[in-house]
Amino acid sequence: MDIGIDKIGFYTPKNYIDIVDLAKARNQDPDKFTIGIGQEKQAVPMPYEDAVTMAAEAASQVLDDTNNSDIGLLIVGTESSVDESKASALFLTDLLELPADVRAFEIKEACYGATAGLQTARDYIAANPDKKALVIASDIARYGLNTPGEVTQGAGAVAMLLSADPRILKLENKSTFMSRNVGDFWRPTFSKTAFARGKYSNQIYIEFFSTLWEQFQEKYDVTAADFKAMLFHIPYTKMGSKAMKILEGNIDEDKLSELKASYQESIKFGKVVGNLYTGSLYLSLLSYLLNANIDSNEEILLFSYGSGSMGELFSGKIQPGFKDAIDIKTIENILQNRNKINISEYEGIFGQGLENGQKTDVKAITSTYYLSEIKENERIYQSHN
């Protein structure tokens, strides 16, 4: 039985900043950010937007009256959780009007969380082929103003509907994975921003990819020639290209050029959105699907990494006619109809947030789903049509 991604949706906030503007405001050479890091724009969420609202926005693109009642599993992969106890998935069962007989929970392991959800959902469909699973990656990547990580911030969500006989990507049940207790990145419960050892994290990321790729080749008797593309978790778009350097001198030059060209197609969306943490790999997938010249039934490799650390390398086969299962026009509108704000406006928004007893001004809302108020320290969400 074939199992995989049947539909995919995406959301990012309407406001963004230009990375050149950010570089100038921080007295940095713009090339350091645009060339060295590889970013062009960065999404800026409003105070009424969080992991729950963005997840709902992305999920609304893949749900309708024909499949809503078939959902038996809902998993949200996030490291931007809104509650230390209650899963963000439970808020979504209400907002998305899902059936009561659904398993709904949240997975946390840095940027790997959505991949854990994807593999869990695959196993669920294997045991329940008549059901569907909804896996959502939703995050706000935040490091703080005037910090080294500021240029690698971002926000957004990717929602994936998994089923038997998928129309977009068949998961081939081939993977290699590894876990190590590494102190490259963490966010204590008392902090709204992360702590990171940037160069060390890059090193671990590359080590994980190198090790898992070697294991994958040996385990499944494959080479780079068997894949049309290698897609990566990209907290910033130069990250994956650093990992690909291990291929240099080890594979045919023409194949390396092909993989590099495919990689460029996969980072087009990430360049203009920024870091999605759990959603970054799947934004790469979406970018590749919509921008690359794809052969029917081509096989691709996906590298997922979550600091701390967990990594997995797995393969999938793109299905014929996959574009028919993607709401391309909606995704294009989300990316094209955004609002550029200046650095002063961005800094003002960055410091805002709803406090207990406060409500959101409905007239200021530009999204469908929003944080309405915090009442008795409980977050209340609503939809705005």
Protein backbone atom coordinates (compact mmCIF):
# COMPACT_ATOMS: atom_id res chain seq x y z
CA MET A 1 0.00 0.00 0.00
CA ASP A 2 1.32 3.42 -0.98
CA ILE A 3 1.24 6.02 1.82
CA GLY A 4 2.30 9.64 1.80
CA ILE A 5 1.38 13.29 1.37
CA ASP A 6 -1.93 13.73 -0.40
CA LYS A 7 -2.33 17.51 0.06
CA ILE A 8 -0.12 20.32 1.32
CA GLY A 9 -0.87 23.86 2.50
CA PHE A 10 1.24 26.82 3.55
CA TYR A 11 0.88 30.08 5.46
CA THR A 12 3.18 32.92 6.43
CA PRO A 13 2.29 36.28 8.03
CA LYS A 14 1.48 39.19 5.75
CA ASN A 15 4.16 41.52 7.12
CA TYR A 16 7.83 41.16 6.25
CA ILE A 17 11.08 43.09 6.42
CA ASP A 18 13.74 43.39 3.75
CA ILE A 19 17.01 41.78 4.82
CA VAL A 20 19.04 44.60 3.26
CA ASP A 21 17.14 47.07 5.46
CA LEU A 22 17.89 44.92 8.49
CA ALA A 23 21.59 44.77 7.62
CA LYS A 24 21.83 48.54 7.27
CA ALA A 25 19.98 49.08 10.54
CA ARG A 26 22.47 46.77 12.28
CA ASN A 27 25.49 48.43 10.60
CA GLN A 28 26.30 45.26 8.69
CA ASP A 29 27.37 44.77 5.09
CA PRO A 30 24.16 43.65 3.30
CA ASP A 31 26.17 40.99 1.43
CA LYS A 32 26.83 39.29 4.76
CA PHE A 33 23.09 38.66 5.10
CA THR A 34 22.00 38.24 1.46
CA ILE A 35 24.99 36.27 0.18
CA GLY A 36 26.64 34.87 3.31
CA ILE A 37 23.39 33.77 4.95
CA GLY A 38 21.31 33.61 1.79
CA GLN A 39 18.19 35.48 2.88
CA GLU A 40 16.15 38.21 1.17
CA LYS A 41 13.03 38.75 3.28
CA GLN A 42 11.83 37.77 6.76
CA ALA A 43 8.25 37.19 7.86
CA VAL A 44 7.07 39.20 10.87
CA PRO A 45 4.08 37.79 12.81
CA MET A 46 1.58 40.07 14.49
CA PRO A 47 0.85 39.73 18.23
CA TYR A 48 -2.40 37.89 17.47
CA GLU A 49 -0.52 35.27 15.40
CA ASP A 50 1.16 32.24 16.93
CA ALA A 51 1.80 28.56 16.27
CA VAL A 52 -1.92 27.77 16.63
CA THR A 53 -3.29 30.45 14.30
CA MET A 54 -0.69 29.83 11.59
CA ALA A 55 -1.30 26.07 11.80
CA ALA A 56 -5.02 26.67 11.30
CA GLU A 57 -4.36 28.92 8.30
CA ALA A 58 -2.20 26.29 6.59
CA ALA A 59 -4.53 23.41 7.47
CA SER A 60 -7.58 25.19 6.08
CA GLN A 61 -6.04 24.79 2.60
CA VAL A 62 -6.03 20.99 2.81
CA LEU A 63 -9.35 20.35 4.58
CA ASP A 64 -12.84 20.39 3.12
CA ASP A 65 -16.20 18.71 3.52
CA THR A 66 -14.98 15.62 1.64
CA ASN A 67 -12.04 14.77 3.92
CA ASN A 68 -12.66 16.46 7.27
CA SER A 69 -14.55 13.51 8.75
CA ASP A 70 -11.82 11.08 7.64
CA ILE A 71 -9.17 12.64 9.91
CA GLY A 72 -8.21 10.19 12.65
CA LEU A 73 -4.90 11.69 13.71
CA LEU A 74 -3.71 15.29 14.16
CA ILE A 75 -0.10 16.02 15.04
CA VAL A 76 1.50 19.43 15.39
CA GLY A 77 5.27 19.61 15.30
CA THR A 78 6.41 22.85 16.94
CA GLU A 79 8.96 24.39 19.23
CA SER A 80 6.79 27.51 19.62
CA SER A 81 4.22 25.91 21.89
CA VAL A 82 1.71 28.26 23.49
CA ASP A 83 1.15 26.16 26.62
CA GLU A 84 3.40 23.94 28.73
CA SER A 85 0.60 21.41 29.22
CA LYS A 86 -2.13 21.69 26.61
CA ALA A 87 -1.17 20.65 23.08
CA SER A 88 -1.62 23.20 20.31
CA ALA A 89 -3.36 20.44 18.37
CA LEU A 90 -6.31 20.56 20.77
CA PHE A 91 -7.03 24.21 19.98
CA LEU A 92 -7.05 23.20 16.31
CA THR A 93 -9.68 20.48 16.73
CA ASP A 94 -12.06 23.31 17.59
CA LEU A 95 -10.88 25.87 15.03
CA LEU A 96 -10.86 23.33 12.19
CA GLU A 97 -14.09 21.61 13.32
CA LEU A 98 -12.50 18.17 13.36
CA PRO A 99 -14.38 15.07 14.53
CA ALA A 100 -14.22 14.19 18.24
CA ASP A 101 -12.78 10.73 17.59
CA VAL A 102 -9.36 12.05 16.57
CA ARG A 103 -6.03 11.56 18.35
CA ALA A 104 -4.60 15.06 18.70
CA PHE A 105 -1.23 15.90 20.22
CA GLU A 106 1.96 17.90 19.85
CA ILE A 107 5.53 16.75 19.24
CA LYS A 108 8.57 18.69 20.37
CA GLU A 109 12.14 18.06 19.27
CA ALA A 110 13.39 21.35 17.91
CA CYS A 111 13.12 21.44 14.10
CA TYR A 112 12.66 17.68 13.80
CA GLY A 113 9.16 17.63 15.36
CA ALA A 114 7.15 17.60 12.13
CA THR A 115 9.22 14.75 10.69
CA ALA A 116 8.49 12.74 13.81
CA GLY A 117 4.83 13.52 13.14
CA LEU A 118 5.11 12.51 9.50
CA GLN A 119 6.62 9.12 10.31
CA THR A 120 4.08 8.53 13.09
CA ALA A 121 1.27 9.40 10.68
CA ARG A 122 2.63 7.01 8.09
CA ASP A 123 2.47 4.16 10.60
CA TYR A 124 -1.07 5.20 11.55
CA ILE A 125 -2.27 5.09 7.93
CA ALA A 126 -0.61 1.69 7.47
CA ALA A 127 -2.76 0.39 10.33
CA ASN A 128 -5.86 2.38 9.29
CA PRO A 129 -5.84 2.68 5.48
CA ASP A 130 -9.33 4.15 5.34
CA LYS A 131 -8.34 7.10 7.56
CA LYS A 132 -6.29 10.26 7.00
CA ALA A 133 -3.77 12.06 9.19
CA LEU A 134 -3.07 15.76 9.42
CA VAL A 135 0.50 16.76 10.26
CA ILE A 136 1.29 20.45 10.74
CA ALA A 137 4.62 22.18 11.23
CA SER A 138 4.10 25.62 12.76
CA ASP A 139 6.68 27.91 14.32
CA ILE A 140 7.92 31.41 15.03
CA ALA A 141 11.72 31.47 14.88
CA ARG A 142 12.83 34.18 17.25
CA TYR A 143 16.28 35.07 18.61
CA GLY A 144 15.89 38.70 19.63
CA LEU A 145 16.71 42.17 18.34
CA ASN A 146 20.37 42.92 17.64
CA THR A 147 21.41 39.30 18.16
CA PRO A 148 23.58 37.19 15.81
CA GLY A 149 20.57 35.00 15.05
CA GLU A 150 18.23 37.88 14.18
CA VAL A 151 18.82 37.46 10.44
CA THR A 152 17.65 33.83 10.66
CA GLN A 153 14.22 34.55 12.14
CA GLY A 154 10.92 33.87 10.40
CA ALA A 155 7.40 32.54 10.87
CA GLY A 156 4.93 30.26 9.15
CA ALA A 157 3.29 26.87 8.91
CA VAL A 158 3.11 23.93 6.52
CA ALA A 159 0.19 21.48 6.74
CA MET A 160 0.31 18.01 5.20
CA LEU A 161 -2.60 15.63 4.77
CA LEU A 162 -1.42 12.00 4.72
CA SER A 163 -3.38 9.13 3.24
CA ALA A 164 -3.20 5.92 1.29
CA ASP A 165 -2.71 6.40 -2.47
CA PRO A 166 -1.20 9.89 -2.02
CA ARG A 167 -1.32 12.38 -4.88
CA ILE A 168 1.83 14.39 -4.04
CA LEU A 169 4.61 12.37 -2.42
CA LYS A 170 4.80 8.65 -1.68
CA LEU A 171 6.90 7.93 1.42
CA GLU A 172 9.08 4.95 0.61
CA ASN A 173 9.60 3.70 4.16
CA LYS A 174 13.35 4.05 3.73
CA SER A 175 15.19 6.06 6.35
CA THR A 176 18.26 6.33 8.52
CA PHE A 177 18.18 8.29 11.75
CA MET A 178 20.22 9.07 14.83
CA SER A 179 19.92 10.87 18.18
CA ARG A 180 22.65 12.50 20.27
CA ASN A 181 22.49 14.71 23.34
CA VAL A 182 24.16 17.84 21.94
CA GLY A 183 24.23 21.38 23.35
CA ASP A 184 24.05 23.30 20.09
CA PHE A 185 20.67 25.00 20.62
CA TRP A 186 18.09 25.22 23.39
CA ARG A 187 15.30 27.37 24.81
CA PRO A 188 14.66 27.11 28.56
CA THR A 189 11.07 27.34 29.76
CA PHE A 190 11.70 30.82 31.19
CA SER A 191 12.84 32.28 27.84
CA LYS A 192 10.87 33.40 24.79
CA THR A 193 14.02 33.37 22.66
CA ALA A 194 16.47 30.58 21.92
CA PHE A 195 20.11 30.18 22.88
CA ALA A 196 22.45 28.83 20.24
CA ARG A 197 26.06 28.01 19.53
CA GLY A 198 25.81 28.85 15.85
CA LYS A 199 29.07 27.52 14.41
CA TYR A 200 28.85 24.40 16.55
CA SER A 201 25.26 23.80 15.41
CA ASN A 202 26.34 24.08 11.76
CA GLN A 203 29.07 21.54 12.45
CA ILE A 204 26.66 19.05 14.05
CA TYR A 205 24.15 19.52 11.21
CA ILE A 206 26.79 18.64 8.63
CA GLU A 207 28.06 15.69 10.69
CA PHE A 208 24.53 14.29 10.95
CA PHE A 209 23.93 14.58 7.21
CA SER A 210 27.29 13.02 6.37
CA THR A 211 26.76 10.08 8.73
CA LEU A 212 23.16 9.43 7.73
CA TRP A 213 23.91 9.69 4.00
CA GLU A 214 26.70 7.13 4.34
CA GLN A 215 24.37 4.83 6.27
CA PHE A 216 21.51 5.33 3.79
CA GLN A 217 23.69 4.35 0.83
CA GLU A 218 24.89 1.22 2.57
CA LYS A 219 21.49 0.20 3.96
CA TYR A 220 19.58 0.57 0.67
CA ASP A 221 22.38 0.06 -1.87
CA VAL A 222 21.88 3.44 -3.54
CA THR A 223 24.04 6.33 -4.73
CA ALA A 224 23.43 9.99 -5.48
CA ALA A 225 22.59 8.95 -9.05
CA ASP A 226 19.34 7.43 -7.75
CA PHE A 227 17.94 10.82 -6.66
CA LYS A 228 16.84 13.84 -8.67
CA ALA A 229 17.02 16.16 -5.66
CA MET A 230 18.22 16.38 -2.08
CA LEU A 231 16.07 18.62 0.09
CA PHE A 232 17.22 20.02 3.42
CA HIS A 233 16.03 21.60 6.61
CA ILE A 234 17.06 25.22 6.00
CA PRO A 235 17.04 27.61 8.96
CA TYR A 236 18.80 29.84 6.45
CA THR A 237 19.27 28.97 2.81
CA LYS A 238 23.05 28.58 2.83
CA MET A 239 22.80 25.83 5.46
CA GLY A 240 21.93 23.00 3.08
CA SER A 241 24.59 24.01 0.57
CA LYS A 242 27.19 23.66 3.32
CA ALA A 243 26.06 20.07 3.93
CA MET A 244 26.13 19.32 0.20
CA LYS A 245 29.85 20.09 0.13
CA ILE A 246 30.50 16.57 1.44
CA LEU A 247 29.38 15.33 -1.99
CA GLU A 248 32.11 17.24 -3.81
CA GLY A 249 34.74 14.89 -5.20
CA ASN A 250 32.65 11.88 -4.22
CA ILE A 251 30.05 11.86 -6.97
CA ASP A 252 29.92 12.56 -10.69
CA GLU A 253 30.27 16.28 -11.48
CA ASP A 254 27.21 16.34 -13.71
CA LYS A 255 25.10 14.76 -10.95
CA LEU A 256 26.47 17.24 -8.43
CA SER A 257 25.52 20.12 -10.73
CA GLU A 258 22.02 18.66 -11.10
CA LEU A 259 21.59 18.35 -7.33
CA LYS A 260 22.83 21.91 -6.80
CA ALA A 261 20.37 23.20 -9.38
CA SER A 262 17.53 21.32 -7.69
CA TYR A 263 18.60 22.76 -4.36
CA GLN A 264 18.31 26.30 -5.73
CA GLU A 265 14.70 25.62 -6.68
CA SER A 266 13.99 24.27 -3.19
CA ILE A 267 15.18 27.41 -1.37
CA LYS A 268 13.26 30.04 -3.34
CA PHE A 269 10.42 30.21 -0.79
CA GLY A 270 12.74 30.01 2.22
CA LYS A 271 14.69 33.03 0.98
CA VAL A 272 11.65 35.26 1.16
CA VAL A 273 10.01 33.84 4.30
CA GLY A 274 12.84 32.98 6.68
CA ASN A 275 13.22 30.22 9.24
CA LEU A 276 10.17 28.06 9.95
CA TYR A 277 11.94 25.68 12.36
CA THR A 278 9.82 22.50 12.03
CA GLY A 279 8.39 23.70 8.72
CA SER A 280 11.66 24.60 6.99
CA LEU A 281 12.24 21.20 5.34
CA TYR A 282 8.63 21.05 4.16
CA LEU A 283 8.76 24.60 2.82
CA SER A 284 11.78 23.36 0.84
CA LEU A 285 9.65 20.50 -0.46
CA LEU A 286 6.84 22.86 -1.44
CA SER A 287 9.28 25.25 -3.13
CA TYR A 288 10.79 22.39 -5.09
CA LEU A 289 7.39 21.08 -6.13
CA LEU A 290 6.23 24.44 -7.45
CA ASN A 291 9.47 25.77 -8.94
CA ALA A 292 11.45 22.83 -10.34
CA ASN A 293 11.06 21.00 -13.63
CA ILE A 294 10.02 17.64 -12.18
CA ASP A 295 10.02 14.27 -13.90
CA SER A 296 7.14 11.87 -13.35
CA ASN A 297 7.79 9.49 -10.43
CA GLU A 298 11.15 11.03 -9.62
CA GLU A 299 12.75 10.02 -6.35
CA ILE A 300 13.99 12.62 -3.86
CA LEU A 301 15.89 12.54 -0.59
CA LEU A 302 14.88 14.66 2.44
CA PHE A 303 17.15 15.57 5.35
CA SER A 304 15.48 16.56 8.62
CA TYR A 305 17.49 17.91 11.54
CA GLY A 306 16.49 19.14 14.97
CA SER A 307 19.08 20.65 17.28
CA GLY A 308 19.74 18.98 20.53
CA SER A 309 19.91 16.66 18.43
CA MET A 310 17.85 14.35 16.19
CA GLY A 311 18.32 13.77 12.49
CA GLU A 312 16.69 11.64 9.83
CA LEU A 313 17.30 11.04 6.14
CA PHE A 314 14.37 9.56 4.19
CA SER A 315 13.21 9.20 0.62
CA GLY A 316 10.01 9.77 -1.28
CA LYS A 317 8.68 9.52 -4.80
CA ILE A 318 6.86 12.48 -6.38
CA GLN A 319 3.56 11.39 -7.90
CA PRO A 320 2.32 12.13 -11.43
CA GLY A 321 -0.07 15.07 -11.54
CA PHE A 322 0.97 16.25 -8.05
CA LYS A 323 0.24 19.91 -8.83
CA ASP A 324 -3.47 19.13 -9.11
CA ALA A 325 -3.47 18.39 -5.36
CA ILE A 326 -1.91 21.75 -4.39
CA ASP A 327 -3.80 25.03 -4.15
CA ILE A 328 -1.10 26.84 -6.09
CA LYS A 329 -3.04 30.08 -6.55
CA THR A 330 -3.61 30.49 -2.80
CA ILE A 331 0.06 29.87 -2.03
CA GLU A 332 1.18 32.31 -4.72
CA ASN A 333 -1.20 34.95 -3.34
CA ILE A 334 0.15 34.47 0.19
CA LEU A 335 3.72 35.03 -1.00
CA GLN A 336 3.02 37.83 -3.45
CA ASN A 337 0.45 39.92 -1.55
CA ARG A 338 2.49 40.79 1.51
CA ASN A 339 3.23 44.08 3.20
CA LYS A 340 6.76 45.40 3.59
CA ILE A 341 7.33 47.20 6.90
CA ASN A 342 10.34 49.21 7.99
CA ILE A 343 12.76 48.20 10.72
CA SER A 344 11.26 50.61 13.24
CA GLU A 345 7.80 49.08 12.72
CA TYR A 346 9.26 45.58 13.00
CA GLU A 347 10.99 46.43 16.28
CA GLY A 348 7.74 47.83 17.65
CA ILE A 349 5.80 44.69 16.71
CA PHE A 350 8.55 42.48 18.13
CA GLY A 351 8.04 43.86 21.61
CA GLN A 352 4.25 43.52 21.57
CA GLY A 353 2.18 40.67 22.93
CA LEU A 354 -1.21 40.02 24.41
CA GLU A 355 -1.22 39.94 28.21
CA ASN A 356 -3.70 38.32 30.57
CA GLY A 357 -6.99 40.22 30.49
CA GLN A 358 -6.34 41.82 27.10
CA LYS A 359 -8.24 41.41 23.84
CA THR A 360 -7.20 41.78 20.23
CA ASP A 361 -8.60 44.71 18.26
CA VAL A 362 -10.63 42.86 15.63
CA LYS A 363 -10.33 45.78 13.18
CA ALA A 364 -6.55 45.27 13.00
CA ILE A 365 -6.71 41.60 11.98
CA THR A 366 -5.58 40.57 8.50
CA SER A 367 -5.73 36.78 8.94
CA THR A 368 -8.62 34.33 9.21
CA TYR A 369 -7.64 32.78 12.55
CA TYR A 370 -6.40 34.84 15.46
CA LEU A 371 -5.73 34.96 19.18
CA SER A 372 -8.82 36.76 20.41
CA GLU A 373 -7.95 37.29 24.06
CA ILE A 374 -6.22 35.91 27.11
CA LYS A 375 -8.81 35.40 29.83
CA GLU A 376 -7.85 34.01 33.23
CA ASN A 377 -4.51 33.11 31.60
CA GLU A 378 -6.30 30.97 29.01
CA ARG A 379 -5.76 31.63 25.32
CA ILE A 380 -8.99 32.10 23.36
CA TYR A 381 -8.93 31.71 19.57
CA GLN A 382 -11.49 32.72 16.97
CA SER A 383 -11.90 32.86 13.20
CA HIS A 384 -12.45 36.11 11.33
CA ASN A 385 -14.14 35.83 7.93
